[in-house]
Protein backbone atom coordinates (compact mmCIF):
# COMPACT_ATOMS: atom_id res chain seq x y z
CA MET A 1 142.98 -42.60 9.71
CA LYS A 2 139.24 -42.78 10.36
CA LEU A 3 139.92 -44.03 13.84
CA LYS A 4 142.11 -41.00 14.59
CA ILE A 5 139.41 -38.61 13.36
CA VAL A 6 136.76 -40.36 15.45
CA LEU A 7 139.01 -40.27 18.52
CA LEU A 8 139.70 -36.56 17.99
CA LEU A 9 135.98 -35.85 17.67
CA VAL A 10 135.19 -37.84 20.81
CA LEU A 11 137.96 -36.02 22.66
CA ALA A 12 136.72 -32.62 21.45
CA VAL A 13 133.13 -33.37 22.48
CA GLY A 14 134.36 -34.61 25.87
CA LEU A 15 136.38 -31.46 26.43
CA LEU A 16 133.50 -29.20 25.43
CA SER A 17 131.04 -30.94 27.74
CA GLY A 18 133.66 -30.82 30.50
CA CYS A 19 134.00 -27.06 29.95
CA GLU A 20 130.22 -26.70 30.24
CA ILE A 21 130.27 -28.49 33.59
CA ILE A 22 133.09 -26.27 34.79
CA ASP A 23 131.14 -23.18 33.66
CA LYS A 24 128.07 -24.35 35.61
CA VAL A 25 130.12 -24.96 38.73
CA ASN A 26 131.80 -21.55 38.40
CA HIS A 27 128.39 -19.88 37.93
CA SER A 28 127.09 -21.66 41.03
CA ILE A 29 130.08 -20.63 43.11
CA ASN A 30 129.84 -17.05 41.83
CA TYR A 31 126.13 -16.90 42.65
CA VAL A 32 126.62 -18.12 46.22
CA GLU A 33 129.46 -15.62 46.65
CA GLU A 34 127.39 -12.73 45.24
CA ALA A 35 124.39 -13.66 47.39
CA THR A 36 126.55 -13.93 50.51
CA ASN A 37 128.12 -10.53 49.82
CA PHE A 38 124.69 -9.00 49.24
CA ILE A 39 123.35 -10.39 52.49
CA ASP A 40 126.45 -9.20 54.37
CA ASP A 41 125.96 -5.70 52.90
CA THR A 42 122.30 -5.78 53.86
CA SER A 43 123.18 -6.81 57.41
CA ARG A 44 125.68 -3.97 57.73
CA PHE A 45 123.11 -1.54 56.34
CA ALA A 46 120.46 -2.76 58.81
CA GLU A 47 122.85 -2.24 61.72
CA GLN A 48 123.81 1.29 60.66
CA LEU A 49 120.41 2.54 59.56
CA PRO A 50 118.75 3.42 62.90
CA THR A 51 121.75 5.38 64.17
CA LEU A 52 122.27 7.12 60.86
CA ALA A 53 118.57 8.03 60.61
CA ARG A 54 118.63 9.37 64.18
CA GLN A 55 121.65 11.55 63.37
CA ALA A 56 120.13 12.72 60.07
CA VAL A 57 117.32 14.50 61.91
CA THR A 58 119.69 17.24 63.12
CA ASP A 59 122.88 16.80 61.09
CA PRO A 60 122.86 17.76 57.38
CA GLU A 61 126.02 15.72 56.74
CA ALA A 62 124.41 12.62 58.27
CA ARG A 63 121.31 13.33 56.14
CA THR A 64 123.48 13.26 53.02
CA THR A 65 125.15 10.06 54.21
CA LEU A 66 121.75 8.49 54.89
CA LYS A 67 120.53 9.46 51.44
CA ASN A 68 123.69 8.01 49.85
CA GLU A 69 123.37 4.79 51.85
CA LEU A 70 119.72 4.38 50.86
CA THR A 71 120.57 5.04 47.21
CA GLY A 72 123.50 2.62 47.37
CA MET A 73 121.32 -0.07 48.91
CA LYS A 74 118.73 0.44 46.21
CA GLU A 75 121.45 -0.05 43.56
CA ARG A 76 122.74 -3.21 45.28
CA ILE A 77 119.18 -4.55 45.37
CA ALA A 78 118.73 -3.96 41.64
CA LYS A 79 122.08 -5.60 40.87
CA PHE A 80 121.27 -8.64 43.03
CA ASN A 81 117.78 -9.03 41.60
CA ALA A 82 119.27 -9.10 38.09
CA LEU A 83 121.49 -12.09 38.90
CA GLN A 84 120.65 -15.33 37.15
CA ALA A 85 120.36 -17.88 39.92
CA PRO A 86 121.38 -21.45 39.16
CA ASP A 87 118.54 -23.98 39.29
CA PHE A 88 119.38 -25.19 42.79
CA ALA A 89 119.15 -21.61 44.15
CA LYS A 90 116.01 -20.39 42.39
CA ASP A 91 113.75 -20.75 45.45
CA VAL A 92 116.08 -18.84 47.78
CA HIS A 93 116.75 -16.25 45.10
CA GLY A 94 113.04 -15.77 44.53
CA GLN A 95 112.48 -15.26 48.24
CA LEU A 96 115.29 -12.70 48.42
CA VAL A 97 113.94 -10.87 45.37
CA GLY A 98 110.54 -10.67 47.07
CA TYR A 99 112.10 -9.10 50.15
CA ASN A 100 114.13 -6.80 47.93
CA GLU A 101 111.04 -5.50 46.17
CA THR A 102 109.59 -4.52 49.56
CA LEU A 103 112.90 -2.89 50.52
CA ALA A 104 113.08 -0.93 47.27
CA LYS A 105 109.59 0.48 47.83
CA GLU A 106 110.47 1.48 51.39
CA ILE A 107 113.73 3.07 50.23
CA ASN A 108 111.88 5.11 47.61
CA GLY A 109 109.50 6.35 50.29
CA TYR A 110 112.33 7.33 52.63
CA LEU A 111 114.25 9.05 49.85
CA GLU A 112 111.14 11.04 49.00
CA LYS A 113 110.73 12.07 52.65
CA ILE A 114 114.39 13.07 52.89
CA ASN A 115 114.10 15.13 49.70
CA ASN A 116 111.08 16.89 51.24
CA GLY A 117 113.04 17.57 54.44
CA ALA A 118 111.04 15.19 56.64
CA ILE A 119 113.10 12.59 58.46
CA ASP A 120 111.41 10.54 61.16
CA TRP A 121 113.99 8.13 62.51
CA LYS A 122 111.45 6.53 64.82
CA ALA A 123 109.26 5.66 61.83
CA ILE A 124 112.25 3.99 60.17
CA GLU A 125 113.19 2.16 63.34
CA ASP A 126 109.63 0.88 63.90
CA SER A 127 108.77 0.14 60.27
CA ARG A 128 108.57 -3.07 58.26
CA PHE A 129 111.78 -1.88 56.64
CA ILE A 130 114.01 -3.07 59.48
CA ASP A 131 112.05 -6.33 59.72
CA THR A 132 112.48 -6.94 55.99
CA LEU A 133 116.20 -6.18 56.21
CA ASN A 134 116.43 -8.73 59.01
CA GLN A 135 114.53 -11.30 56.93
CA VAL A 136 117.09 -10.88 54.16
CA THR A 137 119.97 -11.40 56.58
CA GLN A 138 118.32 -14.50 58.06
CA ASN A 139 118.74 -16.18 54.66
CA LEU A 140 122.53 -16.19 54.94
CA ASP A 141 122.68 -19.76 56.25
CA LYS A 142 120.39 -20.93 53.43
CA VAL A 143 122.62 -19.29 50.84
CA LYS A 144 125.82 -20.67 52.35
CA SER A 145 124.37 -24.19 52.35
CA LEU A 146 123.40 -24.09 48.67
CA THR A 147 125.11 -26.72 46.57
CA PRO A 148 124.60 -27.74 42.96
């Protein structure tokens, strides 16, 4: 009888620790997937931004679209920054968060300019903003190569 109880306890502990390992692997996979999606979104945004900003100078509809895109990017940045990176991804995540903080500041500045009716697409095109967006997208290979 005692042997059966001990075996059941050992089996239960083994299953629970196995579930913890599975949870860690799932978290790692989810993080890499979330980071890859974020970088893909950032890349798309970086490609569209100069054209959209250029159009926004004369087209009120494009101005609204630009404002929405900037706001959406700001929300994606906040969501990504809030992710809990697994231990093996902390360095890359920290680097991306640093870039994101710069991007968020730039976005706030552009949103303020748009709200005041001043859109200078050349300033956006020539700013650190595009460079920072490109730095984020250059981390895609690092993220894809992350393994626990």
